[in-house]
Amino acid sequence: MEFRFQCQPGCINCCNIEGYVYISEGDLTRIAKFLDMTPESFEEKYVYRTRHLLRLRKPRNSQCLFLKDGGCSIHPVNPVQCRVFPYWPEMVEDPAEWDKAAKMCPGMNQGPLVQIGEAMERAAEMKIAYPTIYDGE
């Protein structure tokens, strides 16, 4: 399997994938600082916390509160989940999942070749950031 990815200008397809945007404690702190908020006030306003996970609150008409005017308003500090896309473990480890995601993402299978080791390292960032999601592996 070959891994290639080059984000395409103006594309926000990955921001519109059905589901939740999970964040780590580190993401929470970085995003809060970027927005000039305390971590506590950021969490109170934007985060839903369960016993094992943190995720951004989901607005009614979009997938992410920070998707504004066709782009990510927190892109410089976006969550691990966003930053490592499309190198999520489920896509790196399963060619069928990679191909499925590539149908909605015009940047996949574009650009320079990414070595398998680098793709696996990026996928490992997800496992580290969100261990309760990937515990069963």
N, C-alpha and C. Protein backbone atom coordinates (compact mmCIF):
# COMPACT_ATOMS: atom_id res chain seq x y z
N MET A 1 0.84 -1.18 0.00
CA MET A 1 0.00 0.00 0.00
C MET A 1 0.89 1.25 0.00
N GLU A 2 0.52 2.22 -0.81
CA GLU A 2 1.24 3.48 -0.86
C GLU A 2 0.46 4.56 -0.12
N PHE A 3 1.19 5.42 0.56
CA PHE A 3 0.57 6.54 1.26
C PHE A 3 1.06 7.83 0.63
N ARG A 4 0.12 8.60 0.15
CA ARG A 4 0.38 9.93 -0.37
C ARG A 4 -0.74 10.83 0.14
N PHE A 5 -0.37 12.04 0.53
CA PHE A 5 -1.39 13.01 0.93
C PHE A 5 -0.85 14.41 0.77
N GLN A 6 -1.63 15.24 0.13
CA GLN A 6 -1.31 16.66 0.01
C GLN A 6 -2.63 17.43 0.07
N CYS A 7 -2.80 18.15 1.16
CA CYS A 7 -4.03 18.91 1.36
C CYS A 7 -4.26 19.83 0.17
N GLN A 8 -5.50 19.87 -0.30
CA GLN A 8 -5.84 20.68 -1.46
C GLN A 8 -6.39 22.03 -1.03
N PRO A 9 -5.91 23.11 -1.63
CA PRO A 9 -6.36 24.46 -1.25
C PRO A 9 -7.89 24.59 -1.31
N GLY A 10 -8.44 25.14 -0.24
CA GLY A 10 -9.87 25.38 -0.17
C GLY A 10 -10.72 24.18 0.22
N CYS A 11 -10.12 23.01 0.30
CA CYS A 11 -10.89 21.81 0.65
C CYS A 11 -11.08 21.74 2.16
N ILE A 12 -12.31 21.46 2.59
CA ILE A 12 -12.61 21.26 4.01
C ILE A 12 -13.38 19.96 4.21
N ASN A 13 -13.25 19.04 3.27
CA ASN A 13 -13.99 17.77 3.35
C ASN A 13 -13.72 17.02 4.65
N CYS A 14 -12.48 17.02 5.11
CA CYS A 14 -12.17 16.29 6.34
C CYS A 14 -12.85 16.93 7.55
N CYS A 15 -13.13 18.22 7.46
CA CYS A 15 -13.82 18.92 8.55
C CYS A 15 -15.31 18.59 8.59
N ASN A 16 -15.79 17.97 7.55
CA ASN A 16 -17.21 17.65 7.46
C ASN A 16 -17.50 16.16 7.57
N ILE A 17 -16.52 15.39 8.03
CA ILE A 17 -16.75 13.97 8.28
C ILE A 17 -17.72 13.84 9.45
N GLU A 18 -18.74 13.03 9.29
CA GLU A 18 -19.72 12.82 10.36
C GLU A 18 -19.02 12.21 11.58
N GLY A 19 -19.27 12.78 12.73
CA GLY A 19 -18.68 12.27 13.96
C GLY A 19 -18.29 13.39 14.89
N TYR A 20 -17.38 13.09 15.78
CA TYR A 20 -16.95 14.06 16.79
C TYR A 20 -15.49 14.43 16.59
N VAL A 21 -15.13 15.61 17.08
CA VAL A 21 -13.73 16.03 17.11
C VAL A 21 -13.26 15.82 18.55
N TYR A 22 -12.44 14.79 18.73
CA TYR A 22 -11.89 14.49 20.05
C TYR A 22 -10.66 15.34 20.28
N ILE A 23 -10.43 15.69 21.53
CA ILE A 23 -9.24 16.46 21.88
C ILE A 23 -8.54 15.81 23.05
N SER A 24 -7.26 16.07 23.15
CA SER A 24 -6.48 15.60 24.29
C SER A 24 -6.39 16.75 25.30
N GLU A 25 -5.87 16.45 26.47
CA GLU A 25 -5.65 17.52 27.46
C GLU A 25 -4.68 18.57 26.89
N GLY A 26 -3.67 18.11 26.16
CA GLY A 26 -2.73 19.04 25.54
C GLY A 26 -3.40 19.93 24.50
N ASP A 27 -4.30 19.33 23.71
CA ASP A 27 -5.07 20.12 22.73
C ASP A 27 -5.86 21.20 23.44
N LEU A 28 -6.54 20.81 24.52
CA LEU A 28 -7.37 21.75 25.28
C LEU A 28 -6.54 22.96 25.72
N THR A 29 -5.39 22.70 26.28
CA THR A 29 -4.53 23.78 26.78
C THR A 29 -4.04 24.67 25.64
N ARG A 30 -3.58 24.06 24.54
CA ARG A 30 -3.07 24.83 23.39
C ARG A 30 -4.16 25.69 22.75
N ILE A 31 -5.33 25.10 22.55
CA ILE A 31 -6.42 25.84 21.90
C ILE A 31 -6.88 26.99 22.80
N ALA A 32 -7.01 26.72 24.10
CA ALA A 32 -7.42 27.77 25.03
C ALA A 32 -6.44 28.94 24.98
N LYS A 33 -5.15 28.65 25.01
CA LYS A 33 -4.13 29.71 24.96
C LYS A 33 -4.24 30.49 23.66
N PHE A 34 -4.42 29.77 22.54
CA PHE A 34 -4.56 30.41 21.23
C PHE A 34 -5.75 31.37 21.21
N LEU A 35 -6.83 30.98 21.89
CA LEU A 35 -8.05 31.81 21.93
C LEU A 35 -8.02 32.83 23.08
N ASP A 36 -6.89 32.89 23.78
CA ASP A 36 -6.71 33.81 24.90
C ASP A 36 -7.76 33.56 25.99
N MET A 37 -7.93 32.27 26.31
CA MET A 37 -8.86 31.84 27.35
C MET A 37 -8.11 30.97 28.35
N THR A 38 -8.66 30.84 29.53
CA THR A 38 -8.11 29.87 30.46
C THR A 38 -8.58 28.49 30.01
N PRO A 39 -7.83 27.45 30.32
CA PRO A 39 -8.30 26.10 29.98
C PRO A 39 -9.69 25.82 30.57
N GLU A 40 -9.93 26.32 31.78
CA GLU A 40 -11.22 26.08 32.43
C GLU A 40 -12.37 26.76 31.68
N SER A 41 -12.17 28.00 31.26
CA SER A 41 -13.24 28.70 30.54
C SER A 41 -13.44 28.11 29.15
N PHE A 42 -12.35 27.69 28.51
CA PHE A 42 -12.47 27.04 27.20
C PHE A 42 -13.27 25.75 27.33
N GLU A 43 -12.92 24.95 28.35
CA GLU A 43 -13.63 23.69 28.54
C GLU A 43 -15.11 23.92 28.81
N GLU A 44 -15.40 24.88 29.65
CA GLU A 44 -16.80 25.15 30.00
C GLU A 44 -17.62 25.55 28.76
N LYS A 45 -17.01 26.31 27.88
CA LYS A 45 -17.73 26.82 26.71
C LYS A 45 -17.75 25.85 25.53
N TYR A 46 -16.65 25.12 25.30
CA TYR A 46 -16.50 24.38 24.05
C TYR A 46 -16.33 22.87 24.16
N VAL A 47 -16.17 22.34 25.38
CA VAL A 47 -15.79 20.93 25.51
C VAL A 47 -16.85 20.13 26.23
N TYR A 48 -17.04 18.90 25.75
CA TYR A 48 -17.87 17.93 26.42
C TYR A 48 -16.92 16.87 26.96
N ARG A 49 -16.95 16.64 28.27
CA ARG A 49 -16.03 15.69 28.90
C ARG A 49 -16.81 14.49 29.41
N THR A 50 -16.32 13.31 29.06
CA THR A 50 -16.86 12.08 29.65
C THR A 50 -15.77 11.53 30.58
N ARG A 51 -16.02 10.38 31.15
CA ARG A 51 -15.03 9.80 32.05
C ARG A 51 -13.70 9.51 31.35
N HIS A 52 -13.76 9.16 30.06
CA HIS A 52 -12.55 8.75 29.35
C HIS A 52 -12.15 9.63 28.17
N LEU A 53 -13.02 10.53 27.75
CA LEU A 53 -12.74 11.29 26.54
C LEU A 53 -13.14 12.76 26.67
N LEU A 54 -12.47 13.57 25.89
CA LEU A 54 -12.85 14.97 25.72
C LEU A 54 -13.18 15.14 24.25
N ARG A 55 -14.22 15.90 23.97
CA ARG A 55 -14.52 16.21 22.59
C ARG A 55 -15.09 17.61 22.51
N LEU A 56 -14.94 18.20 21.35
CA LEU A 56 -15.52 19.52 21.16
C LEU A 56 -17.04 19.39 21.07
N ARG A 57 -17.74 20.35 21.64
CA ARG A 57 -19.19 20.38 21.50
C ARG A 57 -19.51 20.51 20.02
N LYS A 58 -20.57 19.86 19.60
CA LYS A 58 -20.92 19.83 18.20
C LYS A 58 -22.12 20.75 17.94
N PRO A 59 -21.96 21.73 17.06
CA PRO A 59 -23.08 22.62 16.76
C PRO A 59 -24.15 21.90 15.92
N ARG A 60 -25.33 22.48 15.87
CA ARG A 60 -26.43 21.84 15.15
C ARG A 60 -26.20 21.69 13.65
N ASN A 61 -25.60 22.68 13.02
CA ASN A 61 -25.55 22.68 11.56
C ASN A 61 -24.18 22.43 10.95
N SER A 62 -23.22 21.97 11.74
CA SER A 62 -21.91 21.64 11.18
C SER A 62 -21.24 20.62 12.09
N GLN A 63 -20.09 20.16 11.68
CA GLN A 63 -19.37 19.16 12.45
C GLN A 63 -18.46 19.77 13.50
N CYS A 64 -18.10 21.06 13.33
CA CYS A 64 -17.14 21.66 14.24
C CYS A 64 -17.45 23.13 14.48
N LEU A 65 -17.37 23.52 15.73
CA LEU A 65 -17.59 24.91 16.12
C LEU A 65 -16.57 25.87 15.51
N PHE A 66 -15.40 25.37 15.20
CA PHE A 66 -14.31 26.23 14.75
C PHE A 66 -14.17 26.28 13.23
N LEU A 67 -15.08 25.65 12.52
CA LEU A 67 -15.09 25.72 11.07
C LEU A 67 -15.84 26.99 10.67
N LYS A 68 -15.09 27.97 10.22
CA LYS A 68 -15.65 29.30 9.90
C LYS A 68 -15.26 29.70 8.49
N ASP A 69 -16.20 30.25 7.77
CA ASP A 69 -15.93 30.80 6.44
C ASP A 69 -15.03 29.90 5.60
N GLY A 70 -15.35 28.63 5.58
CA GLY A 70 -14.62 27.71 4.73
C GLY A 70 -13.26 27.27 5.24
N GLY A 71 -12.95 27.55 6.50
CA GLY A 71 -11.66 27.12 7.02
C GLY A 71 -11.67 26.97 8.52
N CYS A 72 -10.60 26.42 9.03
CA CYS A 72 -10.47 26.18 10.46
C CYS A 72 -9.93 27.43 11.15
N SER A 73 -10.70 27.97 12.08
CA SER A 73 -10.27 29.19 12.79
C SER A 73 -9.20 28.92 13.84
N ILE A 74 -8.94 27.65 14.14
CA ILE A 74 -7.88 27.31 15.10
C ILE A 74 -6.80 26.44 14.44
N HIS A 75 -6.67 26.54 13.14
CA HIS A 75 -5.76 25.67 12.39
C HIS A 75 -4.35 25.60 12.96
N PRO A 76 -3.75 26.71 13.40
CA PRO A 76 -2.38 26.62 13.93
C PRO A 76 -2.26 25.73 15.17
N VAL A 77 -3.36 25.46 15.86
CA VAL A 77 -3.32 24.65 17.08
C VAL A 77 -4.38 23.54 17.04
N ASN A 78 -4.72 23.10 15.84
CA ASN A 78 -5.82 22.13 15.74
C ASN A 78 -5.51 20.82 16.47
N PRO A 79 -6.56 20.11 16.87
CA PRO A 79 -6.38 18.86 17.63
C PRO A 79 -5.59 17.80 16.86
N VAL A 80 -4.99 16.89 17.60
CA VAL A 80 -4.24 15.79 17.00
C VAL A 80 -5.07 15.10 15.92
N GLN A 81 -6.31 14.82 16.19
CA GLN A 81 -7.20 14.13 15.25
C GLN A 81 -7.21 14.85 13.90
N CYS A 82 -7.27 16.16 13.92
CA CYS A 82 -7.30 16.96 12.69
C CYS A 82 -5.92 17.02 12.04
N ARG A 83 -4.92 17.22 12.87
CA ARG A 83 -3.55 17.41 12.38
C ARG A 83 -3.00 16.18 11.67
N VAL A 84 -3.33 14.98 12.14
CA VAL A 84 -2.73 13.78 11.54
C VAL A 84 -3.59 13.16 10.44
N PHE A 85 -4.80 13.69 10.20
CA PHE A 85 -5.62 13.17 9.12
C PHE A 85 -4.85 13.26 7.81
N PRO A 86 -4.85 12.22 6.99
CA PRO A 86 -5.61 10.98 7.01
C PRO A 86 -4.87 9.79 7.62
N TYR A 87 -3.84 10.06 8.39
CA TYR A 87 -3.04 8.97 8.96
C TYR A 87 -3.61 8.47 10.28
N TRP A 88 -4.90 8.17 10.28
CA TRP A 88 -5.54 7.58 11.44
C TRP A 88 -5.24 6.08 11.42
N PRO A 89 -5.09 5.45 12.59
CA PRO A 89 -4.74 4.02 12.62
C PRO A 89 -5.64 3.15 11.75
N GLU A 90 -6.94 3.39 11.82
CA GLU A 90 -7.86 2.56 11.05
C GLU A 90 -7.65 2.68 9.55
N MET A 91 -7.15 3.82 9.08
CA MET A 91 -6.92 4.01 7.65
C MET A 91 -5.53 3.53 7.22
N VAL A 92 -4.56 3.70 8.10
CA VAL A 92 -3.20 3.24 7.79
C VAL A 92 -3.13 1.72 7.83
N GLU A 93 -3.88 1.12 8.72
CA GLU A 93 -3.81 -0.33 8.91
C GLU A 93 -4.74 -1.12 7.99
N ASP A 94 -5.68 -0.44 7.31
CA ASP A 94 -6.65 -1.14 6.48
C ASP A 94 -6.80 -0.44 5.13
N PRO A 95 -6.25 -1.03 4.07
CA PRO A 95 -6.32 -0.40 2.75
C PRO A 95 -7.75 -0.06 2.31
N ALA A 96 -8.72 -0.86 2.69
CA ALA A 96 -10.11 -0.58 2.32
C ALA A 96 -10.60 0.71 2.97
N GLU A 97 -10.18 0.96 4.22
CA GLU A 97 -10.56 2.20 4.91
C GLU A 97 -9.86 3.40 4.27
N TRP A 98 -8.60 3.23 3.89
CA TRP A 98 -7.88 4.30 3.19
C TRP A 98 -8.61 4.65 1.90
N ASP A 99 -8.96 3.64 1.11
CA ASP A 99 -9.64 3.86 -0.16
C ASP A 99 -11.00 4.51 0.03
N LYS A 100 -11.71 4.12 1.07
CA LYS A 100 -13.02 4.70 1.36
C LYS A 100 -12.88 6.19 1.68
N ALA A 101 -11.90 6.54 2.50
CA ALA A 101 -11.68 7.95 2.85
C ALA A 101 -11.20 8.74 1.64
N ALA A 102 -10.42 8.12 0.78
CA ALA A 102 -9.89 8.81 -0.41
C ALA A 102 -11.00 9.22 -1.36
N LYS A 103 -12.14 8.56 -1.28
CA LYS A 103 -13.26 8.94 -2.15
C LYS A 103 -13.83 10.30 -1.79
N MET A 104 -13.69 10.71 -0.54
CA MET A 104 -14.20 12.02 -0.13
C MET A 104 -13.08 13.06 0.03
N CYS A 105 -11.85 12.62 0.03
CA CYS A 105 -10.72 13.55 0.25
C CYS A 105 -9.87 13.63 -1.01
N PRO A 106 -9.93 14.76 -1.73
CA PRO A 106 -9.15 14.89 -2.96
C PRO A 106 -7.64 14.97 -2.75
N GLY A 107 -7.18 15.16 -1.51
CA GLY A 107 -5.76 15.23 -1.24
C GLY A 107 -5.10 13.89 -1.03
N MET A 108 -5.93 12.88 -0.77
CA MET A 108 -5.37 11.54 -0.56
C MET A 108 -4.94 10.97 -1.91
N ASN A 109 -3.82 10.25 -1.88
CA ASN A 109 -3.20 9.67 -3.07
C ASN A 109 -2.63 10.75 -3.99
N GLN A 110 -2.36 11.93 -3.42
CA GLN A 110 -1.74 13.04 -4.13
C GLN A 110 -0.44 13.40 -3.39
N GLY A 111 0.47 14.03 -4.09
CA GLY A 111 1.68 14.52 -3.44
C GLY A 111 2.76 13.46 -3.32
N PRO A 112 3.81 13.78 -2.56
CA PRO A 112 4.95 12.87 -2.43
C PRO A 112 4.61 11.61 -1.63
N LEU A 113 5.34 10.58 -1.93
CA LEU A 113 5.19 9.30 -1.23
C LEU A 113 5.61 9.45 0.22
N VAL A 114 4.79 8.93 1.13
CA VAL A 114 5.09 8.91 2.56
C VAL A 114 5.48 7.48 2.91
N GLN A 115 6.62 7.31 3.51
CA GLN A 115 7.09 5.97 3.87
C GLN A 115 6.16 5.36 4.92
N ILE A 116 6.04 4.05 4.90
CA ILE A 116 5.16 3.34 5.83
C ILE A 116 5.51 3.65 7.28
N GLY A 117 6.78 3.77 7.59
CA GLY A 117 7.20 4.07 8.95
C GLY A 117 6.68 5.43 9.42
N GLU A 118 6.75 6.42 8.54
CA GLU A 118 6.24 7.75 8.88
C GLU A 118 4.72 7.72 9.04
N ALA A 119 4.03 7.01 8.17
CA ALA A 119 2.57 6.89 8.27
C ALA A 119 2.20 6.22 9.60
N MET A 120 2.94 5.20 9.99
CA MET A 120 2.67 4.50 11.26
C MET A 120 2.97 5.41 12.46
N GLU A 121 4.01 6.23 12.36
CA GLU A 121 4.32 7.17 13.45
C GLU A 121 3.19 8.17 13.63
N ARG A 122 2.65 8.66 12.52
CA ARG A 122 1.54 9.61 12.60
C ARG A 122 0.31 8.93 13.21
N ALA A 123 0.06 7.71 12.79
CA ALA A 123 -1.06 6.95 13.35
C ALA A 123 -0.87 6.72 14.84
N ALA A 124 0.36 6.51 15.26
CA ALA A 124 0.65 6.29 16.68
C ALA A 124 0.31 7.53 17.51
N GLU A 125 0.42 8.72 16.92
CA GLU A 125 0.04 9.94 17.63
C GLU A 125 -1.43 9.88 18.06
N MET A 126 -2.26 9.31 17.22
CA MET A 126 -3.68 9.16 17.57
C MET A 126 -3.84 8.21 18.75
N LYS A 127 -3.11 7.11 18.71
CA LYS A 127 -3.21 6.13 19.79
C LYS A 127 -2.72 6.70 21.11
N ILE A 128 -1.73 7.56 21.05
CA ILE A 128 -1.21 8.20 22.27
C ILE A 128 -2.18 9.26 22.77
N ALA A 129 -2.71 10.06 21.85
CA ALA A 129 -3.61 11.15 22.24
C ALA A 129 -4.96 10.65 22.75
N TYR A 130 -5.43 9.55 22.17
CA TYR A 130 -6.77 9.04 22.49
C TYR A 130 -6.70 7.55 22.84
N PRO A 131 -6.01 7.21 23.93
CA PRO A 131 -5.80 5.79 24.24
C PRO A 131 -7.10 5.02 24.48
N THR A 132 -8.11 5.63 25.00
CA THR A 132 -9.33 4.88 25.28
C THR A 132 -10.07 4.50 24.00
N ILE A 133 -9.84 5.23 22.93
CA ILE A 133 -10.46 4.87 21.64
C ILE A 133 -9.77 3.66 21.04
N TYR A 134 -8.44 3.56 21.24
CA TYR A 134 -7.64 2.52 20.59
C TYR A 134 -7.18 1.43 21.55
N ASP A 135 -7.71 1.38 22.77
CA ASP A 135 -7.30 0.38 23.76
C ASP A 135 -7.47 -1.05 23.28
N GLY A 136 -8.51 -1.32 22.54
CA GLY A 136 -8.83 -2.69 22.16
C GLY A 136 -7.92 -3.29 21.12
N GLU A 137 -6.93 -2.53 20.66
CA GLU A 137 -6.08 -3.06 19.59
C GLU A 137 -4.89 -3.81 20.13
